[in-house]
Structures are given as C-alpha cells and as structure tokens.
Amino acid sequence: MRRRAPLALLLLAAVTAGTSARAQATADCERRLGDIRTVLDDDARHTRVWYWAWMGIGSAFFVTQTALAAVTTGNVQKDFAVGAFASAFVPGLLLLHPPRVMSDAELLRDRLALTTVDGRVGDPCIAVHRAADLLDRAADDEALETSWFNHAFIIGGNLVLGLFLGLGFHDWLGATKQFVGGTIVGEAQILTFPGGSLKARALGLTATW
C-alpha cells in the first residue's frame, strides 16, 4: 500500500504535466493563429484600398489621355496616344493579377468557419499551419509585386515608349515627359503597395515549430 501511493502521485503528476503542456500548446496555437488572421485581414483591407485607388487612377489617366488624343493633332496627339497606351497597363495588370492576399484572407476565414464552434476553432494547432501556408503564399505574391523585375519593367517600358516617340517622331520633349512621368507613376504604384504579409514573414510569423 505504501509503495502504491508514491506511484499514484507520480502518475497524477505526469498526467497533470501532460495536460498542462497540451493546454499551453493549444493556447500558443490559438495566439499565433489569431496573429496570422489579423495580419491577413489587415493586409487584405489595406491592399483592397490600394487596388481600387490605382484602378481608378489608371482608368482616369487612360480615359483622359484617350479623349485628348482624339481632339488634338501632331506631336501632342502622339504624346497623349502613347500615354493612354501606357496608362492602360495599370488597370489591365490589376485585373489580370489582383493581389493574392485579398482572396487568401477570405479563404482563411472560410476555412476557420468550418471548424469553429461557439467562437473557438476545433484544433488550432492544425489550423495554424494552414493559416501559415496562406500567409506564406500571400507573401510570395507580394514579393513578386515589389521585386526588382517590376521596377525594371516600369523603367524599361517607359524608356521604350520614350524612344518610340523620340526616334520615331523626333518628339524628344514628349519622349522625356513619357519616360519621367510614366516612371514616376509606375514607381509610386509599387512603392505604395502595402505588403503586410511580406513584412510579417520577415518577422518570422510563418515559421513552423
């Protein structure tokens, strides 16, 4: 009987320690899941504002310069026509490739809703890995959006359009305006991109345990 008492105490201590460890792990998963969800939701909200702002700016440039090209002549007309062509790339590319975080944030909400009961996720330690995958995917997309390739595309594209005006029509004033103006607008679009998921990954939020 005396030997059984210490054994029972040891078993009770082991069970208590195991339960405590599991509870701590679950709490850590819930906290990290909440952090990832907050990052994706905030990033998606900011990116949505950025998306529609630049969709409006690009569309306004395109419509305005197209209209002006229709009522002008000579080099001025060519300047507006080339400018309208360049402006069409802004809404066009946004339509073809909207930032992924906007859909990934909704996807995470839908996934969590399937396992949430009374406001609590069924198994946060499984859900957090799925959430980290979505955040990592959004970060990859944002890395592409802000990569050197995009900067090179903006600068190189406007340089080509400028040379088209300069070499093709001897309109070097229009060429300069296209290169400088187009590059400024394109770089502003890239530099104002929110990129919250990419920043969160840099801080280690997508790291696995």
N, C-alpha and C. Protein backbone atom coordinates (compact mmCIF):
# COMPACT_ATOMS: atom_id res chain seq x y z
N MET A 1 0.83 -1.21 0.00
CA MET A 1 0.00 0.00 0.00
C MET A 1 0.87 1.25 0.00
N ARG A 2 1.94 1.23 0.78
CA ARG A 2 2.84 2.38 0.84
C ARG A 2 3.56 2.61 -0.48
N ARG A 3 3.83 1.48 -1.21
CA ARG A 3 4.53 1.62 -2.49
C ARG A 3 3.60 2.21 -3.56
N ARG A 4 2.30 1.91 -3.42
CA ARG A 4 1.36 2.37 -4.43
C ARG A 4 1.12 3.89 -4.36
N ALA A 5 1.22 4.44 -3.17
CA ALA A 5 0.94 5.87 -3.01
C ALA A 5 1.93 6.74 -3.80
N PRO A 6 3.23 6.52 -3.68
CA PRO A 6 4.17 7.32 -4.49
C PRO A 6 3.97 7.12 -5.99
N LEU A 7 3.64 5.86 -6.40
CA LEU A 7 3.41 5.59 -7.81
C LEU A 7 2.19 6.35 -8.32
N ALA A 8 1.14 6.36 -7.50
CA ALA A 8 -0.08 7.10 -7.88
C ALA A 8 0.21 8.59 -7.98
N LEU A 9 1.02 9.08 -7.08
CA LEU A 9 1.37 10.51 -7.13
C LEU A 9 2.18 10.84 -8.38
N LEU A 10 3.08 9.91 -8.74
CA LEU A 10 3.87 10.13 -9.95
C LEU A 10 2.99 10.13 -11.20
N LEU A 11 2.05 9.18 -11.24
CA LEU A 11 1.14 9.12 -12.38
C LEU A 11 0.27 10.37 -12.47
N LEU A 12 -0.21 10.81 -11.30
CA LEU A 12 -1.02 12.02 -11.26
C LEU A 12 -0.22 13.23 -11.72
N ALA A 13 1.04 13.31 -11.29
CA ALA A 13 1.90 14.43 -11.69
C ALA A 13 2.17 14.39 -13.19
N ALA A 14 2.39 13.17 -13.74
CA ALA A 14 2.64 13.05 -15.18
C ALA A 14 1.42 13.46 -15.99
N VAL A 15 0.24 13.00 -15.54
CA VAL A 15 -1.00 13.36 -16.25
C VAL A 15 -1.23 14.86 -16.18
N THR A 16 -1.02 15.43 -14.98
CA THR A 16 -1.21 16.88 -14.81
C THR A 16 -0.24 17.67 -15.68
N ALA A 17 1.02 17.21 -15.70
CA ALA A 17 2.03 17.89 -16.53
C ALA A 17 1.69 17.79 -18.01
N GLY A 18 1.22 16.59 -18.44
CA GLY A 18 0.85 16.41 -19.84
C GLY A 18 -0.33 17.28 -20.23
N THR A 19 -1.32 17.33 -19.34
CA THR A 19 -2.49 18.16 -19.61
C THR A 19 -2.12 19.63 -19.68
N SER A 20 -1.25 20.04 -18.76
CA SER A 20 -0.80 21.43 -18.75
C SER A 20 -0.01 21.77 -20.00
N ALA A 21 0.84 20.83 -20.46
CA ALA A 21 1.64 21.06 -21.66
C ALA A 21 0.74 21.18 -22.89
N ARG A 22 -0.28 20.30 -22.96
CA ARG A 22 -1.20 20.37 -24.10
C ARG A 22 -1.99 21.67 -24.09
N ALA A 23 -2.42 22.07 -22.91
CA ALA A 23 -3.17 23.32 -22.80
C ALA A 23 -2.31 24.51 -23.21
N GLN A 24 -1.03 24.47 -22.82
CA GLN A 24 -0.12 25.54 -23.19
C GLN A 24 0.11 25.57 -24.70
N ALA A 25 0.28 24.37 -25.28
CA ALA A 25 0.49 24.28 -26.73
C ALA A 25 -0.74 24.79 -27.49
N THR A 26 -1.92 24.42 -27.00
CA THR A 26 -3.16 24.88 -27.64
C THR A 26 -3.29 26.40 -27.55
N ALA A 27 -2.95 26.93 -26.39
CA ALA A 27 -3.01 28.39 -26.21
C ALA A 27 -2.03 29.09 -27.13
N ASP A 28 -0.84 28.52 -27.29
CA ASP A 28 0.15 29.11 -28.21
C ASP A 28 -0.35 29.07 -29.65
N CYS A 29 -0.99 27.95 -30.02
CA CYS A 29 -1.53 27.84 -31.39
C CYS A 29 -2.64 28.85 -31.61
N GLU A 30 -3.51 29.02 -30.63
CA GLU A 30 -4.60 29.99 -30.75
C GLU A 30 -4.07 31.41 -30.88
N ARG A 31 -3.04 31.72 -30.08
CA ARG A 31 -2.46 33.06 -30.15
C ARG A 31 -1.83 33.30 -31.51
N ARG A 32 -1.06 32.34 -32.00
CA ARG A 32 -0.40 32.51 -33.30
C ARG A 32 -1.41 32.54 -34.44
N LEU A 33 -2.44 31.72 -34.34
CA LEU A 33 -3.50 31.73 -35.34
C LEU A 33 -4.18 33.09 -35.39
N GLY A 34 -4.44 33.64 -34.23
CA GLY A 34 -5.04 34.97 -34.16
C GLY A 34 -4.14 36.03 -34.78
N ASP A 35 -2.83 35.92 -34.54
CA ASP A 35 -1.88 36.88 -35.12
C ASP A 35 -1.88 36.80 -36.65
N ILE A 36 -1.87 35.58 -37.18
CA ILE A 36 -1.85 35.40 -38.64
C ILE A 36 -3.15 35.91 -39.25
N ARG A 37 -4.25 35.59 -38.59
CA ARG A 37 -5.55 36.04 -39.10
C ARG A 37 -5.64 37.57 -39.12
N THR A 38 -5.12 38.19 -38.07
CA THR A 38 -5.13 39.65 -38.00
C THR A 38 -4.28 40.27 -39.11
N VAL A 39 -3.09 39.68 -39.33
CA VAL A 39 -2.20 40.19 -40.38
C VAL A 39 -2.86 40.08 -41.74
N LEU A 40 -3.44 38.92 -42.05
CA LEU A 40 -4.07 38.74 -43.35
C LEU A 40 -5.27 39.66 -43.54
N ASP A 41 -6.09 39.81 -42.50
CA ASP A 41 -7.27 40.68 -42.60
C ASP A 41 -6.84 42.15 -42.81
N ASP A 42 -5.88 42.60 -42.01
CA ASP A 42 -5.41 43.99 -42.14
C ASP A 42 -4.75 44.23 -43.50
N ASP A 43 -3.92 43.27 -43.91
CA ASP A 43 -3.22 43.41 -45.18
C ASP A 43 -4.22 43.42 -46.34
N ALA A 44 -5.22 42.54 -46.26
CA ALA A 44 -6.23 42.49 -47.32
C ALA A 44 -7.03 43.79 -47.39
N ARG A 45 -7.34 44.36 -46.23
CA ARG A 45 -8.10 45.61 -46.20
C ARG A 45 -7.29 46.75 -46.82
N HIS A 46 -6.03 46.87 -46.42
CA HIS A 46 -5.18 47.93 -46.97
C HIS A 46 -4.92 47.72 -48.46
N THR A 47 -4.72 46.46 -48.84
CA THR A 47 -4.45 46.16 -50.24
C THR A 47 -5.67 46.44 -51.10
N ARG A 48 -6.86 46.20 -50.56
CA ARG A 48 -8.09 46.48 -51.30
C ARG A 48 -8.22 47.99 -51.59
N VAL A 49 -7.87 48.80 -50.60
CA VAL A 49 -7.89 50.26 -50.80
C VAL A 49 -6.88 50.65 -51.88
N TRP A 50 -5.67 50.09 -51.76
CA TRP A 50 -4.62 50.36 -52.76
C TRP A 50 -5.07 49.92 -54.15
N TYR A 51 -5.67 48.75 -54.24
CA TYR A 51 -6.10 48.18 -55.52
C TYR A 51 -7.10 49.09 -56.22
N TRP A 52 -8.15 49.49 -55.49
CA TRP A 52 -9.18 50.30 -56.14
C TRP A 52 -8.72 51.73 -56.39
N ALA A 53 -7.81 52.22 -55.54
CA ALA A 53 -7.26 53.55 -55.79
C ALA A 53 -6.48 53.57 -57.10
N TRP A 54 -5.60 52.59 -57.30
CA TRP A 54 -4.81 52.55 -58.52
C TRP A 54 -5.63 52.13 -59.73
N MET A 55 -6.67 51.34 -59.51
CA MET A 55 -7.57 51.04 -60.60
C MET A 55 -8.23 52.33 -61.09
N GLY A 56 -8.64 53.18 -60.15
CA GLY A 56 -9.24 54.46 -60.51
C GLY A 56 -8.26 55.41 -61.16
N ILE A 57 -7.05 55.49 -60.61
CA ILE A 57 -6.03 56.39 -61.17
C ILE A 57 -5.67 55.97 -62.59
N GLY A 58 -5.39 54.69 -62.79
CA GLY A 58 -5.03 54.20 -64.12
C GLY A 58 -6.14 54.39 -65.13
N SER A 59 -7.38 54.11 -64.70
CA SER A 59 -8.52 54.28 -65.61
C SER A 59 -8.74 55.74 -65.97
N ALA A 60 -8.56 56.63 -64.99
CA ALA A 60 -8.73 58.07 -65.24
C ALA A 60 -7.67 58.57 -66.22
N PHE A 61 -6.42 58.14 -66.03
CA PHE A 61 -5.36 58.52 -66.97
C PHE A 61 -5.67 58.03 -68.38
N PHE A 62 -6.14 56.78 -68.47
CA PHE A 62 -6.41 56.19 -69.77
C PHE A 62 -7.55 56.93 -70.49
N VAL A 63 -8.64 57.16 -69.79
CA VAL A 63 -9.80 57.83 -70.40
C VAL A 63 -9.44 59.26 -70.79
N THR A 64 -8.76 59.98 -69.89
CA THR A 64 -8.42 61.38 -70.15
C THR A 64 -7.50 61.52 -71.35
N GLN A 65 -6.45 60.70 -71.38
CA GLN A 65 -5.48 60.83 -72.48
C GLN A 65 -6.05 60.31 -73.80
N THR A 66 -6.92 59.33 -73.73
CA THR A 66 -7.58 58.87 -74.96
C THR A 66 -8.47 59.97 -75.54
N ALA A 67 -9.21 60.65 -74.66
CA ALA A 67 -10.08 61.74 -75.11
C ALA A 67 -9.26 62.89 -75.68
N LEU A 68 -8.15 63.22 -75.02
CA LEU A 68 -7.31 64.31 -75.51
C LEU A 68 -6.63 63.96 -76.83
N ALA A 69 -6.26 62.69 -76.99
CA ALA A 69 -5.66 62.26 -78.25
C ALA A 69 -6.65 62.38 -79.40
N ALA A 70 -7.93 62.27 -79.08
CA ALA A 70 -8.95 62.34 -80.12
C ALA A 70 -9.22 63.77 -80.60
N VAL A 71 -8.85 64.76 -79.79
CA VAL A 71 -9.17 66.15 -80.16
C VAL A 71 -7.93 67.00 -80.42
N THR A 72 -6.77 66.37 -80.44
CA THR A 72 -5.54 67.12 -80.72
C THR A 72 -4.89 66.59 -81.99
N THR A 73 -3.80 67.23 -82.40
CA THR A 73 -3.09 66.81 -83.61
C THR A 73 -1.58 66.87 -83.37
N GLY A 74 -0.83 66.36 -84.35
CA GLY A 74 0.62 66.47 -84.31
C GLY A 74 1.26 65.67 -83.18
N ASN A 75 2.40 66.21 -82.69
CA ASN A 75 3.14 65.52 -81.64
C ASN A 75 2.34 65.42 -80.34
N VAL A 76 1.53 66.43 -80.08
CA VAL A 76 0.72 66.40 -78.85
C VAL A 76 -0.23 65.21 -78.88
N GLN A 77 -0.82 64.98 -80.01
CA GLN A 77 -1.72 63.84 -80.16
C GLN A 77 -0.98 62.52 -79.93
N LYS A 78 0.21 62.43 -80.51
CA LYS A 78 1.02 61.22 -80.34
C LYS A 78 1.40 61.02 -78.87
N ASP A 79 1.74 62.13 -78.19
CA ASP A 79 2.08 62.04 -76.78
C ASP A 79 0.92 61.47 -75.97
N PHE A 80 -0.28 61.98 -76.21
CA PHE A 80 -1.45 61.51 -75.47
C PHE A 80 -1.78 60.06 -75.83
N ALA A 81 -1.61 59.70 -77.09
CA ALA A 81 -1.91 58.33 -77.52
C ALA A 81 -0.97 57.33 -76.84
N VAL A 82 0.31 57.66 -76.80
CA VAL A 82 1.28 56.78 -76.14
C VAL A 82 1.02 56.75 -74.63
N GLY A 83 0.68 57.92 -74.07
CA GLY A 83 0.35 57.96 -72.65
C GLY A 83 -0.86 57.13 -72.31
N ALA A 84 -1.88 57.15 -73.17
CA ALA A 84 -3.07 56.33 -72.95
C ALA A 84 -2.73 54.84 -73.01
N PHE A 85 -1.87 54.48 -73.96
CA PHE A 85 -1.44 53.09 -74.07
C PHE A 85 -0.72 52.63 -72.80
N ALA A 86 0.17 53.49 -72.29
CA ALA A 86 0.91 53.15 -71.07
C ALA A 86 -0.03 53.08 -69.87
N SER A 87 -0.99 53.99 -69.79
CA SER A 87 -1.92 54.02 -68.67
C SER A 87 -2.81 52.79 -68.62
N ALA A 88 -3.08 52.20 -69.77
CA ALA A 88 -3.94 51.01 -69.82
C ALA A 88 -3.32 49.83 -69.09
N PHE A 89 -2.00 49.85 -68.92
CA PHE A 89 -1.33 48.75 -68.24
C PHE A 89 -1.71 48.69 -66.75
N VAL A 90 -2.00 49.83 -66.14
CA VAL A 90 -2.29 49.85 -64.71
C VAL A 90 -3.56 49.06 -64.39
N PRO A 91 -4.74 49.44 -64.94
CA PRO A 91 -5.93 48.64 -64.65
C PRO A 91 -5.86 47.25 -65.28
N GLY A 92 -5.19 47.15 -66.44
CA GLY A 92 -5.11 45.86 -67.11
C GLY A 92 -4.40 44.80 -66.29
N LEU A 93 -3.23 45.16 -65.75
CA LEU A 93 -2.46 44.22 -64.94
C LEU A 93 -3.17 43.92 -63.62
N LEU A 94 -3.84 44.92 -63.05
CA LEU A 94 -4.58 44.69 -61.81
C LEU A 94 -5.74 43.73 -62.02
N LEU A 95 -6.38 43.82 -63.18
CA LEU A 95 -7.47 42.89 -63.49
C LEU A 95 -6.94 41.48 -63.72
N LEU A 96 -5.81 41.38 -64.44
CA LEU A 96 -5.25 40.07 -64.74
C LEU A 96 -4.63 39.41 -63.52
N HIS A 97 -4.03 40.22 -62.63
CA HIS A 97 -3.35 39.64 -61.46
C HIS A 97 -3.63 40.48 -60.21
N PRO A 98 -4.83 40.34 -59.65
CA PRO A 98 -5.11 41.06 -58.39
C PRO A 98 -4.26 40.47 -57.26
N PRO A 99 -3.84 41.28 -56.29
CA PRO A 99 -3.02 40.78 -55.19
C PRO A 99 -3.69 39.60 -54.48
N ARG A 100 -2.94 38.57 -54.25
CA ARG A 100 -3.49 37.31 -53.75
C ARG A 100 -4.03 37.41 -52.33
N VAL A 101 -3.49 38.33 -51.55
CA VAL A 101 -3.89 38.42 -50.14
C VAL A 101 -5.38 38.72 -50.01
N MET A 102 -5.96 39.39 -50.99
CA MET A 102 -7.37 39.74 -50.90
C MET A 102 -8.24 38.48 -50.88
N SER A 103 -7.89 37.49 -51.68
CA SER A 103 -8.65 36.24 -51.70
C SER A 103 -8.20 35.28 -50.60
N ASP A 104 -6.91 35.32 -50.25
CA ASP A 104 -6.41 34.41 -49.22
C ASP A 104 -6.99 34.73 -47.84
N ALA A 105 -7.21 36.00 -47.54
CA ALA A 105 -7.82 36.38 -46.26
C ALA A 105 -9.23 35.82 -46.16
N GLU A 106 -9.98 35.89 -47.25
CA GLU A 106 -11.33 35.33 -47.26
C GLU A 106 -11.29 33.81 -47.17
N LEU A 107 -10.31 33.20 -47.84
CA LEU A 107 -10.18 31.75 -47.79
C LEU A 107 -9.89 31.27 -46.37
N LEU A 108 -9.03 31.98 -45.65
CA LEU A 108 -8.74 31.61 -44.27
C LEU A 108 -9.99 31.74 -43.40
N ARG A 109 -10.75 32.81 -43.56
CA ARG A 109 -11.98 32.98 -42.78
C ARG A 109 -12.95 31.84 -43.04
N ASP A 110 -13.07 31.44 -44.32
CA ASP A 110 -13.98 30.34 -44.66
C ASP A 110 -13.52 29.03 -44.06
N ARG A 111 -12.22 28.76 -44.11
CA ARG A 111 -11.68 27.52 -43.54
C ARG A 111 -11.91 27.45 -42.04
N LEU A 112 -11.65 28.55 -41.35
CA LEU A 112 -11.82 28.56 -39.90
C LEU A 112 -13.29 28.45 -39.51
N ALA A 113 -14.16 29.03 -40.33
CA ALA A 113 -15.59 28.98 -40.03
C ALA A 113 -16.10 27.54 -40.04
N LEU A 114 -15.50 26.67 -40.84
CA LEU A 114 -15.93 25.28 -40.94
C LEU A 114 -15.65 24.49 -39.67
N THR A 115 -14.67 24.90 -38.89
CA THR A 115 -14.30 24.16 -37.68
C THR A 115 -14.54 24.94 -36.39
N THR A 116 -15.16 26.10 -36.52
CA THR A 116 -15.38 26.94 -35.34
C THR A 116 -16.73 26.61 -34.68
N VAL A 117 -16.68 26.36 -33.38
CA VAL A 117 -17.88 26.07 -32.60
C VAL A 117 -17.87 26.96 -31.36
N ASP A 118 -18.94 27.71 -31.18
CA ASP A 118 -19.04 28.62 -30.03
C ASP A 118 -17.86 29.58 -29.96
N GLY A 119 -17.41 30.02 -31.13
CA GLY A 119 -16.35 31.01 -31.17
C GLY A 119 -14.94 30.47 -31.02
N ARG A 120 -14.79 29.12 -30.95
CA ARG A 120 -13.46 28.52 -30.78
C ARG A 120 -13.17 27.56 -31.92
N VAL A 121 -11.95 27.64 -32.45
CA VAL A 121 -11.54 26.74 -33.53
C VAL A 121 -11.32 25.35 -32.98
N GLY A 122 -11.79 24.34 -33.72
CA GLY A 122 -11.71 22.96 -33.23
C GLY A 122 -10.32 22.51 -32.85
N ASP A 123 -9.38 22.62 -33.75
CA ASP A 123 -7.99 22.24 -33.47
C ASP A 123 -7.06 23.35 -33.98
N PRO A 124 -6.77 24.32 -33.14
CA PRO A 124 -5.96 25.46 -33.59
C PRO A 124 -4.56 25.08 -34.04
N CYS A 125 -4.03 23.97 -33.53
CA CYS A 125 -2.66 23.58 -33.90
C CYS A 125 -2.59 23.01 -35.31
N ILE A 126 -3.71 22.53 -35.83
CA ILE A 126 -3.77 22.15 -37.24
C ILE A 126 -4.08 23.38 -38.09
N ALA A 127 -5.03 24.17 -37.62
CA ALA A 127 -5.45 25.36 -38.36
C ALA A 127 -4.32 26.36 -38.52
N VAL A 128 -3.43 26.46 -37.54
CA VAL A 128 -2.37 27.47 -37.61
C VAL A 128 -1.38 27.16 -38.72
N HIS A 129 -1.17 25.87 -39.00
CA HIS A 129 -0.26 25.51 -40.10
C HIS A 129 -0.88 25.85 -41.44
N ARG A 130 -2.20 25.63 -41.58
CA ARG A 130 -2.89 26.01 -42.81
C ARG A 130 -2.88 27.53 -42.99
N ALA A 131 -3.07 28.24 -41.88
CA ALA A 131 -3.05 29.70 -41.93
C ALA A 131 -1.66 30.21 -42.31
N ALA A 132 -0.62 29.58 -41.77
CA ALA A 132 0.75 29.99 -42.09
C ALA A 132 1.05 29.75 -43.57
N ASP A 133 0.50 28.67 -44.14
CA ASP A 133 0.69 28.41 -45.57
C ASP A 133 0.07 29.51 -46.42
N LEU A 134 -1.13 29.95 -46.03
CA LEU A 134 -1.80 31.02 -46.78
C LEU A 134 -1.04 32.33 -46.65
N LEU A 135 -0.55 32.62 -45.45
CA LEU A 135 0.23 33.84 -45.26
C LEU A 135 1.52 33.79 -46.07
N ASP A 136 2.14 32.63 -46.11
CA ASP A 136 3.37 32.47 -46.88
C ASP A 136 3.10 32.64 -48.37
N ARG A 137 1.96 32.13 -48.82
CA ARG A 137 1.59 32.26 -50.24
C ARG A 137 1.33 33.73 -50.59
N ALA A 138 0.64 34.43 -49.71
CA ALA A 138 0.39 35.85 -49.94
C ALA A 138 1.70 36.64 -49.95
N ALA A 139 2.63 36.25 -49.06
CA ALA A 139 3.93 36.93 -49.00
C ALA A 139 4.73 36.69 -50.28
N ASP A 140 4.66 35.48 -50.83
CA ASP A 140 5.35 35.20 -52.10
C ASP A 140 4.81 36.10 -53.22
N ASP A 141 3.50 36.26 -53.25
CA ASP A 141 2.87 37.10 -54.26
C ASP A 141 3.30 38.56 -54.09
N GLU A 142 3.37 39.02 -52.85
CA GLU A 142 3.78 40.40 -52.59
C GLU A 142 5.26 40.62 -52.90
N ALA A 143 6.06 39.59 -52.70
CA ALA A 143 7.48 39.70 -53.07
C ALA A 143 7.62 39.88 -54.57
N LEU A 144 6.76 39.20 -55.34
CA LEU A 144 6.78 39.36 -56.79
C LEU A 144 6.31 40.76 -57.18
N GLU A 145 5.27 41.26 -56.50
CA GLU A 145 4.72 42.58 -56.82
C GLU A 145 5.75 43.70 -56.61
N THR A 146 6.65 43.51 -55.67
CA THR A 146 7.61 44.56 -55.32
C THR A 146 9.05 44.19 -55.72
N SER A 147 9.19 43.20 -56.58
CA SER A 147 10.52 42.71 -56.94
C SER A 147 11.25 43.66 -57.89
N TRP A 148 12.54 43.41 -58.06
CA TRP A 148 13.35 44.21 -58.99
C TRP A 148 12.81 44.11 -60.40
N PHE A 149 12.20 42.96 -60.72
CA PHE A 149 11.66 42.77 -62.07
C PHE A 149 10.58 43.80 -62.38
N ASN A 150 9.70 44.07 -61.40
CA ASN A 150 8.66 45.07 -61.63
C ASN A 150 9.24 46.47 -61.82
N HIS A 151 10.26 46.80 -61.02
CA HIS A 151 10.92 48.09 -61.19
C HIS A 151 11.56 48.19 -62.59
N ALA A 152 12.21 47.11 -63.00
CA ALA A 152 12.85 47.09 -64.31
C ALA A 152 11.81 47.19 -65.43
N PHE A 153 10.67 46.53 -65.23
CA PHE A 153 9.60 46.58 -66.23
C PHE A 153 9.07 48.00 -66.39
N ILE A 154 8.86 48.68 -65.25
CA ILE A 154 8.35 50.06 -65.29
C ILE A 154 9.35 50.99 -65.99
N ILE A 155 10.59 50.95 -65.54
CA ILE A 155 11.61 51.85 -66.11
C ILE A 155 11.88 51.51 -67.57
N GLY A 156 12.07 50.22 -67.85
CA GLY A 156 12.36 49.80 -69.22
C GLY A 156 11.20 50.06 -70.17
N GLY A 157 9.97 49.81 -69.70
CA GLY A 157 8.81 50.03 -70.55
C GLY A 157 8.65 51.49 -70.93
N ASN A 158 8.82 52.37 -69.95
CA ASN A 158 8.69 53.81 -70.24
C ASN A 158 9.85 54.31 -71.09
N LEU A 159 11.02 53.71 -70.91
CA LEU A 159 12.17 54.07 -71.77
C LEU A 159 11.88 53.70 -73.22
N VAL A 160 11.32 52.52 -73.44
CA VAL A 160 10.99 52.08 -74.80
C VAL A 160 9.95 53.01 -75.43
N LEU A 161 8.92 53.36 -74.66
CA LEU A 161 7.89 54.26 -75.19
C LEU A 161 8.47 55.66 -75.48
N GLY A 162 9.38 56.10 -74.62
CA GLY A 162 10.02 57.39 -74.85
C GLY A 162 10.86 57.37 -76.11
N LEU A 163 11.62 56.29 -76.31
CA LEU A 163 12.44 56.17 -77.52
C LEU A 163 11.57 56.06 -78.76
N PHE A 164 10.41 55.44 -78.61
CA PHE A 164 9.47 55.35 -79.73
C PHE A 164 9.06 56.75 -80.21
N LEU A 165 8.76 57.63 -79.25
CA LEU A 165 8.39 59.00 -79.60
C LEU A 165 9.59 59.78 -80.13
N GLY A 166 10.75 59.59 -79.47
CA GLY A 166 11.92 60.37 -79.86
C GLY A 166 12.49 59.95 -81.19
N LEU A 167 12.74 58.66 -81.35
CA LEU A 167 13.37 58.17 -82.58
C LEU A 167 12.37 58.09 -83.74
N GLY A 168 11.13 57.74 -83.40
CA GLY A 168 10.15 57.55 -84.45
C GLY A 168 9.56 58.85 -84.97
N PHE A 169 9.38 59.84 -84.08
CA PHE A 169 8.71 61.08 -84.49
C PHE A 169 9.52 62.34 -84.16
N HIS A 170 10.76 62.13 -83.68
CA HIS A 170 11.64 63.25 -83.31
C HIS A 170 10.97 64.15 -82.27
N ASP A 171 10.18 63.55 -81.43
CA ASP A 171 9.47 64.28 -80.37
C ASP A 171 10.18 64.00 -79.04
N TRP A 172 11.32 64.65 -78.85
CA TRP A 172 12.11 64.35 -77.66
C TRP A 172 11.52 64.97 -76.40
N LEU A 173 10.78 66.03 -76.55
CA LEU A 173 10.09 66.60 -75.38
C LEU A 173 9.02 65.62 -74.88
N GLY A 174 8.25 65.09 -75.82
CA GLY A 174 7.24 64.09 -75.45
C GLY A 174 7.88 62.83 -74.91
N ALA A 175 9.03 62.46 -75.48
CA ALA A 175 9.75 61.27 -75.01
C ALA A 175 10.18 61.45 -73.56
N THR A 176 10.69 62.64 -73.25
CA THR A 176 11.14 62.92 -71.88
C THR A 176 9.97 62.90 -70.91
N LYS A 177 8.85 63.53 -71.33
CA LYS A 177 7.67 63.55 -70.46
C LYS A 177 7.13 62.15 -70.22
N GLN A 178 7.14 61.31 -71.25
CA GLN A 178 6.64 59.94 -71.10
C GLN A 178 7.53 59.14 -70.17
N PHE A 179 8.84 59.24 -70.37
CA PHE A 179 9.76 58.46 -69.53
C PHE A 179 9.69 58.91 -68.08
N VAL A 180 9.78 60.21 -67.84
CA VAL A 180 9.79 60.72 -66.47
C VAL A 180 8.42 60.52 -65.80
N GLY A 181 7.35 60.96 -66.48
CA GLY A 181 6.02 60.86 -65.90
C GLY A 181 5.57 59.42 -65.70
N GLY A 182 5.79 58.59 -66.73
CA GLY A 182 5.38 57.19 -66.62
C GLY A 182 6.15 56.45 -65.55
N THR A 183 7.44 56.74 -65.43
CA THR A 183 8.25 56.08 -64.40
C THR A 183 7.83 56.50 -63.01
N ILE A 184 7.54 57.77 -62.82
CA ILE A 184 7.10 58.25 -61.51
C ILE A 184 5.80 57.59 -61.09
N VAL A 185 4.84 57.53 -62.01
CA VAL A 185 3.55 56.90 -61.69
C VAL A 185 3.73 55.41 -61.39
N GLY A 186 4.50 54.71 -62.23
CA GLY A 186 4.71 53.28 -62.02
C GLY A 186 5.44 52.98 -60.72
N GLU A 187 6.47 53.76 -60.43
CA GLU A 187 7.22 53.55 -59.18
C GLU A 187 6.36 53.87 -57.96
N ALA A 188 5.50 54.89 -58.09
CA ALA A 188 4.61 55.23 -56.98
C ALA A 188 3.65 54.08 -56.70
N GLN A 189 3.19 53.41 -57.74
CA GLN A 189 2.30 52.27 -57.56
C GLN A 189 2.98 51.15 -56.80
N ILE A 190 4.23 50.87 -57.16
CA ILE A 190 4.96 49.80 -56.48
C ILE A 190 5.30 50.19 -55.04
N LEU A 191 5.77 51.41 -54.85
CA LEU A 191 6.25 51.83 -53.53
C LEU A 191 5.11 52.03 -52.52
N THR A 192 3.88 52.22 -53.01
CA THR A 192 2.76 52.37 -52.08
C THR A 192 2.06 51.04 -51.81
N PHE A 193 2.53 49.96 -52.41
CA PHE A 193 1.92 48.65 -52.18
C PHE A 193 2.07 48.27 -50.71
N PRO A 194 0.98 47.88 -50.03
CA PRO A 194 1.05 47.63 -48.57
C PRO A 194 2.04 46.55 -48.15
N GLY A 195 1.92 45.34 -48.71
CA GLY A 195 2.89 44.28 -48.43
C GLY A 195 2.94 43.83 -46.99
N GLY A 196 1.79 43.83 -46.29
CA GLY A 196 1.79 43.44 -44.87
C GLY A 196 2.18 42.00 -44.63
N SER A 197 1.77 41.09 -45.52
CA SER A 197 2.11 39.67 -45.35
C SER A 197 3.61 39.44 -45.53
N LEU A 198 4.20 40.15 -46.48
CA LEU A 198 5.64 40.03 -46.70
C LEU A 198 6.42 40.52 -45.49
N LYS A 199 5.97 41.62 -44.90
CA LYS A 199 6.63 42.15 -43.70
C LYS A 199 6.47 41.19 -42.52
N ALA A 200 5.28 40.57 -42.40
CA ALA A 200 5.04 39.62 -41.31
C ALA A 200 5.92 38.40 -41.45
N ARG A 201 6.12 37.93 -42.68
CA ARG A 201 7.01 36.77 -42.88
C ARG A 201 8.44 37.12 -42.51
N ALA A 202 8.86 38.33 -42.83
CA ALA A 202 10.21 38.75 -42.48
C ALA A 202 10.42 38.76 -40.97
N LEU A 203 9.33 38.93 -40.22
CA LEU A 203 9.40 38.91 -38.76
C LEU A 203 9.27 37.51 -38.19
N GLY A 204 9.10 36.50 -39.07
CA GLY A 204 9.06 35.12 -38.63
C GLY A 204 7.69 34.56 -38.31
N LEU A 205 6.62 35.22 -38.75
CA LEU A 205 5.28 34.76 -38.39
C LEU A 205 4.89 33.48 -39.11
N THR A 206 5.53 33.19 -40.25
CA THR A 206 5.19 31.97 -40.98
C THR A 206 6.10 30.80 -40.61
N ALA A 207 7.06 31.03 -39.71
CA ALA A 207 7.99 29.95 -39.33
C ALA A 207 7.25 28.81 -38.65
N THR A 208 7.60 27.58 -38.99
CA THR A 208 6.99 26.41 -38.37
C THR A 208 7.73 26.02 -37.11
N TRP A 209 6.98 25.34 -36.22
CA TRP A 209 7.62 24.95 -34.95
C TRP A 209 8.34 23.63 -35.11
